[in-house]
PDB file of all heavy atoms in Angstrom:
ATOM      1  N   ILE A   1     142.729  29.698  86.821  1.00  0.00           N
ATOM      2  CA  ILE A   1     141.834  28.539  86.826  1.00  0.00           C
ATOM      3  C   ILE A   1     141.590  28.140  88.278  1.00  0.00           C
ATOM      4  O   ILE A   1     142.533  28.086  89.082  1.00  0.00           O
ATOM      5  CB  ILE A   1     142.458  27.352  86.060  1.00  0.00           C
ATOM      6  CG1 ILE A   1     142.941  27.782  84.662  1.00  0.00           C
ATOM      7  CG2 ILE A   1     141.477  26.183  85.979  1.00  0.00           C
ATOM      8  CD1 ILE A   1     141.853  28.120  83.709  1.00  0.00           C
ATOM      9  N   ALA A   2     140.350  27.861  88.614  1.00  0.00           N
ATOM     10  CA  ALA A   2     140.031  27.422  89.977  1.00  0.00           C
ATOM     11  C   ALA A   2     140.779  26.125  90.286  1.00  0.00           C
ATOM     12  O   ALA A   2     140.852  25.215  89.446  1.00  0.00           O
ATOM     13  CB  ALA A   2     138.531  27.214  90.139  1.00  0.00           C
ATOM     14  N   ASP A   3     141.328  26.040  91.493  1.00  0.00           N
ATOM     15  CA  ASP A   3     142.146  24.889  91.872  1.00  0.00           C
ATOM     16  C   ASP A   3     141.354  23.589  92.003  1.00  0.00           C
ATOM     17  O   ASP A   3     141.939  22.516  92.012  1.00  0.00           O
ATOM     18  CB  ASP A   3     142.853  25.166  93.206  1.00  0.00           C
ATOM     19  CG  ASP A   3     144.324  25.474  93.013  1.00  0.00           C
ATOM     20  OD1 ASP A   3     144.846  25.152  91.932  1.00  0.00           O
ATOM     21  OD2 ASP A   3     144.938  26.035  93.932  1.00  0.00           O
ATOM     22  N   ASP A   4     140.034  23.687  92.117  1.00  0.00           N
ATOM     23  CA  ASP A   4     139.269  22.464  92.343  1.00  0.00           C
ATOM     24  C   ASP A   4     138.876  21.763  91.045  1.00  0.00           C
ATOM     25  O   ASP A   4     138.254  20.699  91.080  1.00  0.00           O
ATOM     26  CB  ASP A   4     138.006  22.766  93.165  1.00  0.00           C
ATOM     27  CG  ASP A   4     137.030  23.680  92.437  1.00  0.00           C
ATOM     28  OD1 ASP A   4     137.496  24.481  91.601  1.00  0.00           O
ATOM     29  OD2 ASP A   4     135.827  23.576  92.702  1.00  0.00           O
ATOM     30  N   VAL A   5     139.220  22.343  89.877  1.00  0.00           N
ATOM     31  CA  VAL A   5     138.882  21.687  88.619  1.00  0.00           C
ATOM     32  C   VAL A   5     140.128  21.041  88.017  1.00  0.00           C
ATOM     33  O   VAL A   5     141.250  21.505  88.218  1.00  0.00           O
ATOM     34  CB  VAL A   5     138.237  22.658  87.604  1.00  0.00           C
ATOM     35  CG1 VAL A   5     136.947  23.233  88.170  1.00  0.00           C
ATOM     36  CG2 VAL A   5     139.194  23.770  87.203  1.00  0.00           C
ATOM     37  N   TYR A   6     139.901  19.961  87.282  1.00  0.00           N
ATOM     38  CA  TYR A   6     141.009  19.204  86.694  1.00  0.00           C
ATOM     39  C   TYR A   6     141.268  19.585  85.243  1.00  0.00           C
ATOM     40  O   TYR A   6     142.289  19.209  84.689  1.00  0.00           O
ATOM     41  CB  TYR A   6     140.742  17.700  86.814  1.00  0.00           C
ATOM     42  CG  TYR A   6     140.955  17.183  88.214  1.00  0.00           C
ATOM     43  CD1 TYR A   6     139.937  17.264  89.166  1.00  0.00           C
ATOM     44  CD2 TYR A   6     142.177  16.640  88.602  1.00  0.00           C
ATOM     45  CE1 TYR A   6     140.133  16.815  90.460  1.00  0.00           C
ATOM     46  CE2 TYR A   6     142.389  16.190  89.896  1.00  0.00           C
ATOM     47  CZ  TYR A   6     141.364  16.282  90.821  1.00  0.00           C
ATOM     48  OH  TYR A   6     141.567  15.836  92.116  1.00  0.00           O
ATOM     49  N   TYR A   7     140.341  20.326  84.625  1.00  0.00           N
ATOM     50  CA  TYR A   7     140.622  20.807  83.280  1.00  0.00           C
ATOM     51  C   TYR A   7     141.444  22.083  83.374  1.00  0.00           C
ATOM     52  O   TYR A   7     141.609  22.670  84.449  1.00  0.00           O
ATOM     53  CB  TYR A   7     139.332  21.020  82.484  1.00  0.00           C
ATOM     54  CG  TYR A   7     138.291  21.901  83.138  1.00  0.00           C
ATOM     55  CD1 TYR A   7     138.376  23.286  83.074  1.00  0.00           C
ATOM     56  CD2 TYR A   7     137.205  21.338  83.807  1.00  0.00           C
ATOM     57  CE1 TYR A   7     137.407  24.090  83.665  1.00  0.00           C
ATOM     58  CE2 TYR A   7     136.234  22.133  84.397  1.00  0.00           C
ATOM     59  CZ  TYR A   7     136.340  23.507  84.326  1.00  0.00           C
ATOM     60  OH  TYR A   7     135.394  24.302  84.904  1.00  0.00           O
ATOM     61  N   GLY A   8     141.974  22.512  82.218  1.00  0.00           N
ATOM     62  CA  GLY A   8     142.886  23.649  82.220  1.00  0.00           C
ATOM     63  C   GLY A   8     142.502  24.739  81.238  1.00  0.00           C
ATOM     64  O   GLY A   8     141.337  24.880  80.854  1.00  0.00           O
ATOM     65  N   VAL A   9     143.502  25.473  80.783  1.00  0.00           N
ATOM     66  CA  VAL A   9     143.278  26.695  80.026  1.00  0.00           C
ATOM     67  C   VAL A   9     142.611  26.422  78.678  1.00  0.00           C
ATOM     68  O   VAL A   9     141.738  27.187  78.245  1.00  0.00           O
ATOM     69  CB  VAL A   9     144.606  27.471  79.851  1.00  0.00           C
ATOM     70  CG1 VAL A   9     145.650  26.676  79.084  1.00  0.00           C
ATOM     71  CG2 VAL A   9     144.356  28.824  79.182  1.00  0.00           C
ATOM     72  N   GLN A  10     142.981  25.341  77.992  1.00  0.00           N
ATOM     73  CA  GLN A  10     142.380  25.061  76.683  1.00  0.00           C
ATOM     74  C   GLN A  10     140.895  24.752  76.821  1.00  0.00           C
ATOM     75  O   GLN A  10     140.078  25.190  76.003  1.00  0.00           O
ATOM     76  CB  GLN A  10     143.107  23.882  76.023  1.00  0.00           C
ATOM     77  CG  GLN A  10     144.548  24.165  75.645  1.00  0.00           C
ATOM     78  CD  GLN A  10     144.652  24.990  74.372  1.00  0.00           C
ATOM     79  OE1 GLN A  10     143.783  24.921  73.513  1.00  0.00           O
ATOM     80  NE2 GLN A  10     145.713  25.760  74.248  1.00  0.00           N
ATOM     81  N   THR A  11     140.546  24.005  77.859  1.00  0.00           N
ATOM     82  CA  THR A  11     139.136  23.717  78.114  1.00  0.00           C
ATOM     83  C   THR A  11     138.383  24.995  78.457  1.00  0.00           C
ATOM     84  O   THR A  11     137.246  25.210  78.013  1.00  0.00           O
ATOM     85  CB  THR A  11     139.005  22.685  79.250  1.00  0.00           C
ATOM     86  OG1 THR A  11     139.717  21.507  78.893  1.00  0.00           O
ATOM     87  CG2 THR A  11     137.555  22.346  79.521  1.00  0.00           C
ATOM     88  N   PHE A  12     139.028  25.854  79.248  1.00  0.00           N
ATOM     89  CA  PHE A  12     138.394  27.110  79.638  1.00  0.00           C
ATOM     90  C   PHE A  12     138.131  27.988  78.419  1.00  0.00           C
ATOM     91  O   PHE A  12     137.079  28.628  78.320  1.00  0.00           O
ATOM     92  CB  PHE A  12     139.274  27.851  80.651  1.00  0.00           C
ATOM     93  CG  PHE A  12     138.549  28.930  81.397  1.00  0.00           C
ATOM     94  CD1 PHE A  12     137.884  28.651  82.577  1.00  0.00           C
ATOM     95  CD2 PHE A  12     138.515  30.229  80.925  1.00  0.00           C
ATOM     96  CE1 PHE A  12     137.203  29.648  83.275  1.00  0.00           C
ATOM     97  CE2 PHE A  12     137.844  31.228  81.599  1.00  0.00           C
ATOM     98  CZ  PHE A  12     137.182  30.944  82.774  1.00  0.00           C
ATOM     99  N   ARG A  13     139.062  27.995  77.459  1.00  0.00           N
ATOM    100  CA  ARG A  13     138.829  28.757  76.221  1.00  0.00           C
ATOM    101  C   ARG A  13     137.591  28.217  75.501  1.00  0.00           C
ATOM    102  O   ARG A  13     136.779  28.983  74.964  1.00  0.00           O
ATOM    103  CB  ARG A  13     140.032  28.642  75.287  1.00  0.00           C
ATOM    104  CG  ARG A  13     141.333  29.170  75.833  1.00  0.00           C
ATOM    105  CD  ARG A  13     141.408  30.671  75.865  1.00  0.00           C
ATOM    106  NE  ARG A  13     142.745  31.114  76.236  1.00  0.00           N
ATOM    107  CZ  ARG A  13     143.014  32.273  76.823  1.00  0.00           C
ATOM    108  NH1 ARG A  13     142.031  33.122  77.094  1.00  0.00           N
ATOM    109  NH2 ARG A  13     144.255  32.600  77.125  1.00  0.00           N
ATOM    110  N   ALA A  14     137.451  26.908  75.459  1.00  0.00           N
ATOM    111  CA  ALA A  14     136.304  26.305  74.780  1.00  0.00           C
ATOM    112  C   ALA A  14     134.994  26.676  75.466  1.00  0.00           C
ATOM    113  O   ALA A  14     133.972  26.906  74.806  1.00  0.00           O
ATOM    114  CB  ALA A  14     136.463  24.790  74.727  1.00  0.00           C
ATOM    115  N   LEU A  15     135.007  26.741  76.798  1.00  0.00           N
ATOM    116  CA  LEU A  15     133.815  27.151  77.534  1.00  0.00           C
ATOM    117  C   LEU A  15     133.420  28.578  77.179  1.00  0.00           C
ATOM    118  O   LEU A  15     132.227  28.920  77.132  1.00  0.00           O
ATOM    119  CB  LEU A  15     134.057  27.025  79.039  1.00  0.00           C
ATOM    120  CG  LEU A  15     134.126  25.612  79.609  1.00  0.00           C
ATOM    121  CD1 LEU A  15     134.523  25.656  81.083  1.00  0.00           C
ATOM    122  CD2 LEU A  15     132.791  24.896  79.451  1.00  0.00           C
ATOM    123  N   GLU A  16     134.421  29.428  76.935  1.00  0.00           N
ATOM    124  CA  GLU A  16     134.136  30.813  76.560  1.00  0.00           C
ATOM    125  C   GLU A  16     133.625  30.924  75.120  1.00  0.00           C
ATOM    126  O   GLU A  16     132.779  31.758  74.818  1.00  0.00           O
ATOM    127  CB  GLU A  16     135.406  31.665  76.703  1.00  0.00           C
ATOM    128  CG  GLU A  16     135.861  31.899  78.142  1.00  0.00           C
ATOM    129  CD  GLU A  16     137.085  32.797  78.199  1.00  0.00           C
ATOM    130  OE1 GLU A  16     137.976  32.635  77.323  1.00  0.00           O
ATOM    131  OE2 GLU A  16     137.158  33.646  79.094  1.00  0.00           O
ATOM    132  N   ASN A  17     134.135  30.059  74.246  1.00  0.00           N
ATOM    133  CA  ASN A  17     133.905  30.240  72.813  1.00  0.00           C
ATOM    134  C   ASN A  17     132.714  29.472  72.254  1.00  0.00           C
ATOM    135  O   ASN A  17     132.111  29.903  71.266  1.00  0.00           O
ATOM    136  CB  ASN A  17     135.157  29.829  72.030  1.00  0.00           C
ATOM    137  CG  ASN A  17     136.313  30.786  72.252  1.00  0.00           C
ATOM    138  OD1 ASN A  17     136.101  31.973  72.469  1.00  0.00           O
ATOM    139  ND2 ASN A  17     137.539  30.273  72.204  1.00  0.00           N
ATOM    140  N   PHE A  18     132.399  28.311  72.832  1.00  0.00           N
ATOM    141  CA  PHE A  18     131.410  27.432  72.206  1.00  0.00           C
ATOM    142  C   PHE A  18     130.195  27.240  73.103  1.00  0.00           C
ATOM    143  O   PHE A  18     130.257  26.540  74.113  1.00  0.00           O
ATOM    144  CB  PHE A  18     132.040  26.077  71.861  1.00  0.00           C
ATOM    145  CG  PHE A  18     133.269  26.193  70.993  1.00  0.00           C
ATOM    146  CD1 PHE A  18     134.467  25.615  71.374  1.00  0.00           C
ATOM    147  CD2 PHE A  18     133.232  26.902  69.793  1.00  0.00           C
ATOM    148  CE1 PHE A  18     135.598  25.728  70.590  1.00  0.00           C
ATOM    149  CE2 PHE A  18     134.357  27.024  69.003  1.00  0.00           C
ATOM    150  CZ  PHE A  18     135.546  26.436  69.393  1.00  0.00           C
ATOM    151  N   HIS A  19     129.111  27.880  72.707  1.00  0.00           N
ATOM    152  CA  HIS A  19     127.820  27.708  73.388  1.00  0.00           C
ATOM    153  C   HIS A  19     126.827  27.242  72.322  1.00  0.00           C
ATOM    154  O   HIS A  19     125.978  28.000  71.864  1.00  0.00           O
ATOM    155  CB  HIS A  19     127.366  29.025  74.028  1.00  0.00           C
ATOM    156  CG  HIS A  19     128.383  29.620  74.957  1.00  0.00           C
ATOM    157  ND1 HIS A  19     128.545  29.200  76.253  1.00  0.00           N
ATOM    158  CD2 HIS A  19     129.306  30.600  74.765  1.00  0.00           C
ATOM    159  CE1 HIS A  19     129.509  29.895  76.829  1.00  0.00           C
ATOM    160  NE2 HIS A  19     129.993  30.751  75.943  1.00  0.00           N
ATOM    161  N   MET A  20     126.940  25.991  71.949  1.00  0.00           N
ATOM    162  CA  MET A  20     126.202  25.501  70.783  1.00  0.00           C
ATOM    163  C   MET A  20     124.936  24.732  71.160  1.00  0.00           C
ATOM    164  O   MET A  20     123.834  25.108  70.806  1.00  0.00           O
ATOM    165  CB  MET A  20     127.109  24.614  69.920  1.00  0.00           C
ATOM    166  CG  MET A  20     128.452  25.238  69.585  1.00  0.00           C
ATOM    167  SD  MET A  20     128.323  26.656  68.489  1.00  0.00           S
ATOM    168  CE  MET A  20     127.994  25.830  66.951  1.00  0.00           C
ATOM    169  N   SER A  21     125.105  23.635  71.893  1.00  0.00           N
ATOM    170  CA  SER A  21     123.973  22.741  72.149  1.00  0.00           C
ATOM    171  C   SER A  21     123.515  22.734  73.599  1.00  0.00           C
ATOM    172  O   SER A  21     122.408  22.291  73.897  1.00  0.00           O
ATOM    173  CB  SER A  21     124.355  21.313  71.746  1.00  0.00           C
ATOM    174  OG  SER A  21     125.322  20.784  72.647  1.00  0.00           O
ATOM    175  N   GLY A  22     124.385  23.171  74.513  1.00  0.00           N
ATOM    176  CA  GLY A  22     124.070  23.064  75.935  1.00  0.00           C
ATOM    177  C   GLY A  22     124.238  21.662  76.472  1.00  0.00           C
ATOM    178  O   GLY A  22     123.869  21.379  77.620  1.00  0.00           O
ATOM    179  N   ARG A  23     124.787  20.756  75.656  1.00  0.00           N
ATOM    180  CA  ARG A  23     125.019  19.369  76.074  1.00  0.00           C
ATOM    181  C   ARG A  23     126.514  19.145  76.222  1.00  0.00           C
ATOM    182  O   ARG A  23     127.230  19.004  75.227  1.00  0.00           O
ATOM    183  CB  ARG A  23     124.441  18.389  75.052  1.00  0.00           C
ATOM    184  CG  ARG A  23     122.939  18.446  74.868  1.00  0.00           C
ATOM    185  CD  ARG A  23     122.180  17.975  76.088  1.00  0.00           C
ATOM    186  NE  ARG A  23     122.491  16.599  76.435  1.00  0.00           N
ATOM    187  CZ  ARG A  23     121.917  15.530  75.893  1.00  0.00           C
ATOM    188  NH1 ARG A  23     120.987  15.692  74.957  1.00  0.00           N
ATOM    189  NH2 ARG A  23     122.246  14.317  76.272  1.00  0.00           N
ATOM    190  N   PRO A  24     127.047  19.117  77.453  1.00  0.00           N
ATOM    191  CA  PRO A  24     128.479  18.911  77.633  1.00  0.00           C
ATOM    192  C   PRO A  24     128.885  17.454  77.431  1.00  0.00           C
ATOM    193  O   PRO A  24     128.041  16.540  77.411  1.00  0.00           O
ATOM    194  CB  PRO A  24     128.699  19.334  79.089  1.00  0.00           C
ATOM    195  CG  PRO A  24     127.389  19.071  79.750  1.00  0.00           C
ATOM    196  CD  PRO A  24     126.339  19.334  78.713  1.00  0.00           C
ATOM    197  N   LEU A  25     130.178  17.240  77.300  1.00  0.00           N
ATOM    198  CA  LEU A  25     130.707  15.892  77.096  1.00  0.00           C
ATOM    199  C   LEU A  25     130.301  14.935  78.206  1.00  0.00           C
ATOM    200  O   LEU A  25     130.130  13.740  77.962  1.00  0.00           O
ATOM    201  CB  LEU A  25     132.239  15.948  77.008  1.00  0.00           C
ATOM    202  CG  LEU A  25     132.843  16.740  75.843  1.00  0.00           C
ATOM    203  CD1 LEU A  25     134.349  16.850  76.017  1.00  0.00           C
ATOM    204  CD2 LEU A  25     132.495  16.096  74.520  1.00  0.00           C
ATOM    205  N   LYS A  26     130.145  15.441  79.423  1.00  0.00           N
ATOM    206  CA  LYS A  26     129.813  14.568  80.549  1.00  0.00           C
ATOM    207  C   LYS A  26     128.459  13.893  80.385  1.00  0.00           C
ATOM    208  O   LYS A  26     128.167  12.913  81.065  1.00  0.00           O
ATOM    209  CB  LYS A  26     129.851  15.350  81.861  1.00  0.00           C
ATOM    210  CG  LYS A  26     128.830  16.469  81.978  1.00  0.00           C
ATOM    211  CD  LYS A  26     129.009  17.242  83.279  1.00  0.00           C
ATOM    212  CE  LYS A  26     128.020  18.398  83.384  1.00  0.00           C
ATOM    213  NZ  LYS A  26     128.220  19.172  84.632  1.00  0.00           N
ATOM    214  N   ASP A  27     127.627  14.396  79.462  1.00  0.00           N
ATOM    215  CA  ASP A  27     126.344  13.760  79.176  1.00  0.00           C
ATOM    216  C   ASP A  27     126.508  12.495  78.334  1.00  0.00           C
ATOM    217  O   ASP A  27     125.527  11.801  78.077  1.00  0.00           O
ATOM    218  CB  ASP A  27     125.412  14.724  78.440  1.00  0.00           C
ATOM    219  CG  ASP A  27     124.883  15.831  79.345  1.00  0.00           C
ATOM    220  OD1 ASP A  27     125.140  15.772  80.575  1.00  0.00           O
ATOM    221  OD2 ASP A  27     124.217  16.756  78.834  1.00  0.00           O
ATOM    222  N   TYR A  28     127.740  12.222  77.899  1.00  0.00           N
ATOM    223  CA  TYR A  28     128.011  11.080  77.017  1.00  0.00           C
ATOM    224  C   TYR A  28     129.103  10.194  77.638  1.00  0.00           C
ATOM    225  O   TYR A  28     130.255  10.194  77.188  1.00  0.00           O
ATOM    226  CB  TYR A  28     128.441  11.574  75.631  1.00  0.00           C
ATOM    227  CG  TYR A  28     127.400  12.442  74.969  1.00  0.00           C
ATOM    228  CD1 TYR A  28     127.358  13.820  75.211  1.00  0.00           C
ATOM    229  CD2 TYR A  28     126.434  11.891  74.146  1.00  0.00           C
ATOM    230  CE1 TYR A  28     126.386  14.614  74.636  1.00  0.00           C
ATOM    231  CE2 TYR A  28     125.458  12.687  73.560  1.00  0.00           C
ATOM    232  CZ  TYR A  28     125.443  14.042  73.807  1.00  0.00           C
ATOM    233  OH  TYR A  28     124.481  14.835  73.226  1.00  0.00           O
ATOM    234  N   PRO A  29     128.750   9.439  78.682  1.00  0.00           N
ATOM    235  CA  PRO A  29     129.775   8.661  79.416  1.00  0.00           C
ATOM    236  C   PRO A  29     130.471   7.610  78.566  1.00  0.00           C
ATOM    237  O   PRO A  29     131.658   7.317  78.801  1.00  0.00           O
ATOM    238  CB  PRO A  29     128.981   8.023  80.558  1.00  0.00           C
ATOM    239  CG  PRO A  29     127.543   8.106  80.154  1.00  0.00           C
ATOM    240  CD  PRO A  29     127.419   9.323  79.307  1.00  0.00           C
ATOM    241  N   TYR A  30     129.782   7.030  77.578  1.00  0.00           N
ATOM    242  CA  TYR A  30     130.450   6.062  76.699  1.00  0.00           C
ATOM    243  C   TYR A  30     131.611   6.734  75.971  1.00  0.00           C
ATOM    244  O   TYR A  30     132.680   6.138  75.787  1.00  0.00           O
ATOM    245  CB  TYR A  30     129.466   5.500  75.670  1.00  0.00           C
ATOM    246  CG  TYR A  30     128.564   4.392  76.161  1.00  0.00           C
ATOM    247  CD1 TYR A  30     127.406   4.681  76.875  1.00  0.00           C
ATOM    248  CD2 TYR A  30     128.849   3.063  75.884  1.00  0.00           C
ATOM    249  CE1 TYR A  30     126.559   3.672  77.306  1.00  0.00           C
ATOM    250  CE2 TYR A  30     128.010   2.039  76.306  1.00  0.00           C
ATOM    251  CZ  TYR A  30     126.869   2.352  77.019  1.00  0.00           C
ATOM    252  OH  TYR A  30     126.025   1.359  77.444  1.00  0.00           O
ATOM    253  N   PHE A  31     131.386   7.960  75.534  1.00  0.00           N
ATOM    254  CA  PHE A  31     132.397   8.702  74.775  1.00  0.00           C
ATOM    255  C   PHE A  31     133.587   9.062  75.658  1.00  0.00           C
ATOM    256  O   PHE A  31     134.746   8.902  75.261  1.00  0.00           O
ATOM    257  CB  PHE A  31     131.749   9.951  74.180  1.00  0.00           C
ATOM    258  CG  PHE A  31     132.641  10.752  73.268  1.00  0.00           C
ATOM    259  CD1 PHE A  31     133.469  10.137  72.361  1.00  0.00           C
ATOM    260  CD2 PHE A  31     132.618  12.135  73.319  1.00  0.00           C
ATOM    261  CE1 PHE A  31     134.286  10.882  71.511  1.00  0.00           C
ATOM    262  CE2 PHE A  31     133.416  12.896  72.481  1.00  0.00           C
ATOM    263  CZ  PHE A  31     134.257  12.266  71.565  1.00  0.00           C
ATOM    264  N   VAL A  32     133.313   9.538  76.862  1.00  0.00           N
ATOM    265  CA  VAL A  32     134.393   9.894  77.791  1.00  0.00           C
ATOM    266  C   VAL A  32     135.216   8.650  78.138  1.00  0.00           C
ATOM    267  O   VAL A  32     136.451   8.682  78.145  1.00  0.00           O
ATOM    268  CB  VAL A  32     133.826  10.551  79.061  1.00  0.00           C
ATOM    269  CG1 VAL A  32     134.924  10.760  80.093  1.00  0.00           C
ATOM    270  CG2 VAL A  32     133.164  11.890  78.717  1.00  0.00           C
ATOM    271  N   LYS A  33     134.541   7.547  78.404  1.00  0.00           N
ATOM    272  CA  LYS A  33     135.250   6.296  78.700  1.00  0.00           C
ATOM    273  C   LYS A  33     136.119   5.880  77.523  1.00  0.00           C
ATOM    274  O   LYS A  33     137.281   5.482  77.697  1.00  0.00           O
ATOM    275  CB  LYS A  33     134.247   5.196  79.034  1.00  0.00           C
ATOM    276  CG  LYS A  33     134.893   3.843  79.314  1.00  0.00           C
ATOM    277  CD  LYS A  33     133.851   2.786  79.643  1.00  0.00           C
ATOM    278  CE  LYS A  33     134.493   1.421  79.895  1.00  0.00           C
ATOM    279  NZ  LYS A  33     133.467   0.393  80.218  1.00  0.00           N
ATOM    280  N   ALA A  34     135.580   5.986  76.314  1.00  0.00           N
ATOM    281  CA  ALA A  34     136.338   5.600  75.126  1.00  0.00           C
ATOM    282  C   ALA A  34     137.568   6.487  74.947  1.00  0.00           C
ATOM    283  O   ALA A  34     138.649   6.000  74.584  1.00  0.00           O
ATOM    284  CB  ALA A  34     135.443   5.690  73.888  1.00  0.00           C
ATOM    285  N   PHE A  35     137.421   7.778  75.217  1.00  0.00           N
ATOM    286  CA  PHE A  35     138.576   8.685  75.098  1.00  0.00           C
ATOM    287  C   PHE A  35     139.668   8.275  76.085  1.00  0.00           C
ATOM    288  O   PHE A  35     140.859   8.291  75.757  1.00  0.00           O
ATOM    289  CB  PHE A  35     138.151  10.138  75.338  1.00  0.00           C
ATOM    290  CG  PHE A  35     138.551  11.056  74.222  1.00  0.00           C
ATOM    291  CD1 PHE A  35     137.593  11.601  73.384  1.00  0.00           C
ATOM    292  CD2 PHE A  35     139.877  11.363  73.990  1.00  0.00           C
ATOM    293  CE1 PHE A  35     137.942  12.438  72.340  1.00  0.00           C
ATOM    294  CE2 PHE A  35     140.253  12.193  72.953  1.00  0.00           C
ATOM    295  CZ  PHE A  35     139.283  12.740  72.116  1.00  0.00           C
ATOM    296  N   ALA A  36     139.266   7.895  77.297  1.00  0.00           N
ATOM    297  CA  ALA A  36     140.249   7.450  78.293  1.00  0.00           C
ATOM    298  C   ALA A  36     140.929   6.161  77.842  1.00  0.00           C
ATOM    299  O   ALA A  36     142.149   5.982  78.050  1.00  0.00           O
ATOM    300  CB  ALA A  36     139.568   7.259  79.638  1.00  0.00           C
ATOM    301  N   GLN A  37     140.182   5.262  77.238  1.00  0.00           N
ATOM    302  CA  GLN A  37     140.779   4.019  76.731  1.00  0.00           C
ATOM    303  C   GLN A  37     141.782   4.313  75.620  1.00  0.00           C
ATOM    304  O   GLN A  37     142.865   3.708  75.577  1.00  0.00           O
ATOM    305  CB  GLN A  37     139.684   3.082  76.229  1.00  0.00           C
ATOM    306  CG  GLN A  37     138.815   2.507  77.343  1.00  0.00           C
ATOM    307  CD  GLN A  37     137.591   1.767  76.831  1.00  0.00           C
ATOM    308  OE1 GLN A  37     136.986   2.163  75.834  1.00  0.00           O
ATOM    309  NE2 GLN A  37     137.212   0.694  77.520  1.00  0.00           N
ATOM    310  N   ILE A  38     141.442   5.250  74.743  1.00  0.00           N
ATOM    311  CA  ILE A  38     142.348   5.648  73.659  1.00  0.00           C
ATOM    312  C   ILE A  38     143.622   6.261  74.235  1.00  0.00           C
ATOM    313  O   ILE A  38     144.749   5.936  73.812  1.00  0.00           O
ATOM    314  CB  ILE A  38     141.643   6.645  72.717  1.00  0.00           C
ATOM    315  CG1 ILE A  38     140.601   5.938  71.849  1.00  0.00           C
ATOM    316  CG2 ILE A  38     142.659   7.416  71.867  1.00  0.00           C
ATOM    317  CD1 ILE A  38     141.152   5.129  70.713  1.00  0.00           C
ATOM    318  N   LYS A  39     143.477   7.159  75.207  1.00  0.00           N
ATOM    319  CA  LYS A  39     144.636   7.842  75.788  1.00  0.00           C
ATOM    320  C   LYS A  39     145.527   6.871  76.566  1.00  0.00           C
ATOM    321  O   LYS A  39     146.758   6.997  76.550  1.00  0.00           O
ATOM    322  CB  LYS A  39     144.169   8.986  76.698  1.00  0.00           C
ATOM    323  CG  LYS A  39     143.521  10.141  75.962  1.00  0.00           C
ATOM    324  CD  LYS A  39     144.516  10.867  75.070  1.00  0.00           C
ATOM    325  CE  LYS A  39     143.862  11.978  74.279  1.00  0.00           C
ATOM    326  NZ  LYS A  39     144.840  12.694  73.420  1.00  0.00           N
ATOM    327  N   LYS A  40     144.909   5.908  77.235  1.00  0.00           N
ATOM    328  CA  LYS A  40     145.696   4.889  77.941  1.00  0.00           C
ATOM    329  C   LYS A  40     146.501   4.061  76.940  1.00  0.00           C
ATOM    330  O   LYS A  40     147.705   3.817  77.138  1.00  0.00           O
ATOM    331  CB  LYS A  40     144.787   3.988  78.763  1.00  0.00           C
ATOM    332  CG  LYS A  40     145.537   2.883  79.490  1.00  0.00           C
ATOM    333  CD  LYS A  40     144.603   1.990  80.297  1.00  0.00           C
ATOM    334  CE  LYS A  40     145.391   0.876  81.006  1.00  0.00           C
ATOM    335  NZ  LYS A  40     144.498  -0.013  81.803  1.00  0.00           N
ATOM    336  N   ALA A  41     145.842   3.640  75.874  1.00  0.00           N
ATOM    337  CA  ALA A  41     146.528   2.843  74.855  1.00  0.00           C
ATOM    338  C   ALA A  41     147.680   3.628  74.236  1.00  0.00           C
ATOM    339  O   ALA A  41     148.769   3.083  73.995  1.00  0.00           O
ATOM    340  CB  ALA A  41     145.539   2.415  73.778  1.00  0.00           C
ATOM    341  N   ALA A  42     147.453   4.930  73.996  1.00  0.00           N
ATOM    342  CA  ALA A  42     148.497   5.764  73.397  1.00  0.00           C
ATOM    343  C   ALA A  42     149.708   5.890  74.324  1.00  0.00           C
ATOM    344  O   ALA A  42     150.859   5.773  73.884  1.00  0.00           O
ATOM    345  CB  ALA A  42     147.933   7.141  73.069  1.00  0.00           C
ATOM    346  N   ALA A  43     149.459   6.123  75.604  1.00  0.00           N
ATOM    347  CA  ALA A  43     150.559   6.267  76.564  1.00  0.00           C
ATOM    348  C   ALA A  43     151.379   4.980  76.661  1.00  0.00           C
ATOM    349  O   ALA A  43     152.619   5.009  76.643  1.00  0.00           O
ATOM    350  CB  ALA A  43     150.009   6.656  77.931  1.00  0.00           C
ATOM    351  N   LEU A  44     150.692   3.850  76.758  1.00  0.00           N
ATOM    352  CA  LEU A  44     151.404   2.575  76.888  1.00  0.00           C
ATOM    353  C   LEU A  44     152.119   2.197  75.591  1.00  0.00           C
ATOM    354  O   LEU A  44     153.197   1.594  75.623  1.00  0.00           O
ATOM    355  CB  LEU A  44     150.423   1.479  77.309  1.00  0.00           C
ATOM    356  CG  LEU A  44     149.800   1.661  78.697  1.00  0.00           C
ATOM    357  CD1 LEU A  44     148.816   0.541  79.008  1.00  0.00           C
ATOM    358  CD2 LEU A  44     150.873   1.736  79.789  1.00  0.00           C
ATOM    359  N   ALA A  45     151.542   2.571  74.459  1.00  0.00           N
ATOM    360  CA  ALA A  45     152.214   2.320  73.175  1.00  0.00           C
ATOM    361  C   ALA A  45     153.477   3.172  73.056  1.00  0.00           C
ATOM    362  O   ALA A  45     154.530   2.690  72.603  1.00  0.00           O
ATOM    363  CB  ALA A  45     151.263   2.607  72.022  1.00  0.00           C
TER     364      ALA A  45
END
């Protein structure tokens, strides 16, 4: 994995396997923000 990216092997597998819509998650900032809020809540819980 290139050192300059923050995603890892599981994400890389998905990039290889799924070429469906051409719309990556980064096109949906509300969703990415919500996922971070969920993960923060889970860690603190």
